[in-house]
Amino acid sequence: MRPDHTAATQCLTGTIPAFKPTARASDTATIRQSLRAQFMAAASWISCQMERRRSRRALVEMTDDQLKDIGLSRGEAHSEYMRHLWD
């Protein structure tokens, strides 16, 4: 029998050896650090998006005089407010 057929034969005959994970403490710590870093990056991104949303909402709630002071028109403020979060 060819070596590449061994796994197929084991599967058909039901003699596949049991999978035993060999997680080491260093591997677990590395995975935990990676997951923590990904969580922190996601939390930071969400925080940034929420701040951007608050800023855009405050821009729309400004009076015409306040908008004039910063050099924007009502239409430009509304256009900024309507932009997608990821823009």
C-alpha atoms as a PDB file:
ATOM      1  CA  MET A   1       0.000   0.000   0.000  1.00  0.00           C
ATOM      2  CA  ARG A   2       1.254   3.485  -0.836  1.00  0.00           C
ATOM      3  CA  PRO A   3       2.027   5.797   2.115  1.00  0.00           C
ATOM      4  CA  ASP A   4      -0.523   8.399   0.990  1.00  0.00           C
ATOM      5  CA  HIS A   5      -3.326   5.827   1.352  1.00  0.00           C
ATOM      6  CA  THR A   6      -2.555   5.080   4.997  1.00  0.00           C
ATOM      7  CA  ALA A   7      -4.814   7.803   6.420  1.00  0.00           C
ATOM      8  CA  ALA A   8      -7.686   6.770   4.143  1.00  0.00           C
ATOM      9  CA  THR A   9      -7.315   3.133   5.184  1.00  0.00           C
ATOM     10  CA  GLN A  10      -7.241   4.080   8.865  1.00  0.00           C
ATOM     11  CA  CYS A  11     -10.356   6.157   8.391  1.00  0.00           C
ATOM     12  CA  LEU A  12     -12.237   3.340   6.671  1.00  0.00           C
ATOM     13  CA  THR A  13     -11.228   0.702   9.188  1.00  0.00           C
ATOM     14  CA  GLY A  14     -11.797   2.931  12.210  1.00  0.00           C
ATOM     15  CA  THR A  15      -8.263   2.603  13.479  1.00  0.00           C
ATOM     16  CA  ILE A  16      -7.411   6.303  13.554  1.00  0.00           C
ATOM     17  CA  PRO A  17      -5.308   7.033  16.610  1.00  0.00           C
ATOM     18  CA  ALA A  18      -6.943   9.341  19.154  1.00  0.00           C
ATOM     19  CA  PHE A  19      -5.912  12.982  18.965  1.00  0.00           C
ATOM     20  CA  LYS A  20      -4.137  14.092  22.096  1.00  0.00           C
ATOM     21  CA  PRO A  21      -3.386  17.795  22.237  1.00  0.00           C
ATOM     22  CA  THR A  22       0.010  18.608  23.630  1.00  0.00           C
ATOM     23  CA  ALA A  23      -0.515  22.153  24.818  1.00  0.00           C
ATOM     24  CA  ARG A  24       2.441  23.492  26.675  1.00  0.00           C
ATOM     25  CA  ALA A  25       2.292  26.260  29.217  1.00  0.00           C
ATOM     26  CA  SER A  26       4.315  28.534  26.925  1.00  0.00           C
ATOM     27  CA  ASP A  27       1.918  27.862  24.010  1.00  0.00           C
ATOM     28  CA  THR A  28      -1.085  28.643  26.197  1.00  0.00           C
ATOM     29  CA  ALA A  29       0.522  31.853  27.416  1.00  0.00           C
ATOM     30  CA  THR A  30       1.321  32.898  23.844  1.00  0.00           C
ATOM     31  CA  ILE A  31      -2.238  32.226  22.715  1.00  0.00           C
ATOM     32  CA  ARG A  32      -3.589  34.114  25.716  1.00  0.00           C
ATOM     33  CA  GLN A  33      -1.331  37.091  24.958  1.00  0.00           C
ATOM     34  CA  SER A  34      -2.400  37.052  21.318  1.00  0.00           C
ATOM     35  CA  LEU A  35      -6.090  36.955  22.210  1.00  0.00           C
ATOM     36  CA  ARG A  36      -5.606  39.760  24.732  1.00  0.00           C
ATOM     37  CA  ALA A  37      -3.835  41.896  22.127  1.00  0.00           C
ATOM     38  CA  GLN A  38      -6.618  41.271  19.607  1.00  0.00           C
ATOM     39  CA  PHE A  39      -9.266  42.121  22.198  1.00  0.00           C
ATOM     40  CA  MET A  40      -7.468  45.327  23.140  1.00  0.00           C
ATOM     41  CA  ALA A  41      -7.159  46.330  19.476  1.00  0.00           C
ATOM     42  CA  ALA A  42     -10.882  45.707  18.927  1.00  0.00           C
ATOM     43  CA  ALA A  43     -11.798  47.660  22.059  1.00  0.00           C
ATOM     44  CA  SER A  44      -9.588  50.543  20.933  1.00  0.00           C
ATOM     45  CA  TRP A  45     -11.192  50.560  17.478  1.00  0.00           C
ATOM     46  CA  ILE A  46     -14.699  50.582  18.980  1.00  0.00           C
ATOM     47  CA  SER A  47     -13.744  53.397  21.332  1.00  0.00           C
ATOM     48  CA  CYS A  48     -12.388  55.445  18.428  1.00  0.00           C
ATOM     49  CA  GLN A  49     -15.554  54.868  16.404  1.00  0.00           C
ATOM     50  CA  MET A  50     -17.753  55.914  19.320  1.00  0.00           C
ATOM     51  CA  GLU A  51     -15.745  59.120  19.778  1.00  0.00           C
ATOM     52  CA  ARG A  52     -16.036  59.852  16.071  1.00  0.00           C
ATOM     53  CA  ARG A  53     -19.796  59.349  16.284  1.00  0.00           C
ATOM     54  CA  ARG A  54     -20.054  61.694  19.289  1.00  0.00           C
ATOM     55  CA  SER A  55     -18.036  64.342  17.441  1.00  0.00           C
ATOM     56  CA  ARG A  56     -20.214  64.130  14.364  1.00  0.00           C
ATOM     57  CA  ARG A  57     -23.370  64.326  16.430  1.00  0.00           C
ATOM     58  CA  ALA A  58     -22.049  67.405  18.259  1.00  0.00           C
ATOM     59  CA  LEU A  59     -21.241  68.994  14.900  1.00  0.00           C
ATOM     60  CA  VAL A  60     -24.846  68.598  13.716  1.00  0.00           C
ATOM     61  CA  GLU A  61     -26.188  70.028  16.972  1.00  0.00           C
ATOM     62  CA  MET A  62     -24.164  73.253  16.626  1.00  0.00           C
ATOM     63  CA  THR A  63     -25.916  76.510  15.783  1.00  0.00           C
ATOM     64  CA  ASP A  64     -25.320  78.254  12.464  1.00  0.00           C
ATOM     65  CA  ASP A  65     -23.152  80.846  14.205  1.00  0.00           C
ATOM     66  CA  GLN A  66     -20.977  78.150  15.784  1.00  0.00           C
ATOM     67  CA  LEU A  67     -20.609  76.396  12.428  1.00  0.00           C
ATOM     68  CA  LYS A  68     -19.691  79.716  10.817  1.00  0.00           C
ATOM     69  CA  ASP A  69     -16.957  80.189  13.454  1.00  0.00           C
ATOM     70  CA  ILE A  70     -15.289  76.922  12.430  1.00  0.00           C
ATOM     71  CA  GLY A  71     -15.867  77.546   8.717  1.00  0.00           C
ATOM     72  CA  LEU A  72     -18.569  74.996   7.948  1.00  0.00           C
ATOM     73  CA  SER A  73     -22.029  75.299   6.493  1.00  0.00           C
ATOM     74  CA  ARG A  74     -25.088  73.420   7.737  1.00  0.00           C
ATOM     75  CA  GLY A  75     -24.916  71.174   4.639  1.00  0.00           C
ATOM     76  CA  GLU A  76     -21.268  70.282   5.217  1.00  0.00           C
ATOM     77  CA  ALA A  77     -21.994  69.452   8.858  1.00  0.00           C
ATOM     78  CA  HIS A  78     -24.892  67.242   7.824  1.00  0.00           C
ATOM     79  CA  SER A  79     -22.760  65.517   5.161  1.00  0.00           C
ATOM     80  CA  GLU A  80     -20.107  64.781   7.781  1.00  0.00           C
ATOM     81  CA  TYR A  81     -22.746  63.420  10.151  1.00  0.00           C
ATOM     82  CA  MET A  82     -24.136  61.074   7.486  1.00  0.00           C
ATOM     83  CA  ARG A  83     -20.750  59.494   6.676  1.00  0.00           C
ATOM     84  CA  HIS A  84     -20.209  55.823   7.542  1.00  0.00           C
ATOM     85  CA  LEU A  85     -18.314  55.041  10.726  1.00  0.00           C
ATOM     86  CA  TRP A  86     -15.385  53.526   8.845  1.00  0.00           C
ATOM     87  CA  ASP A  87     -14.909  56.636   6.645  1.00  0.00           C
END
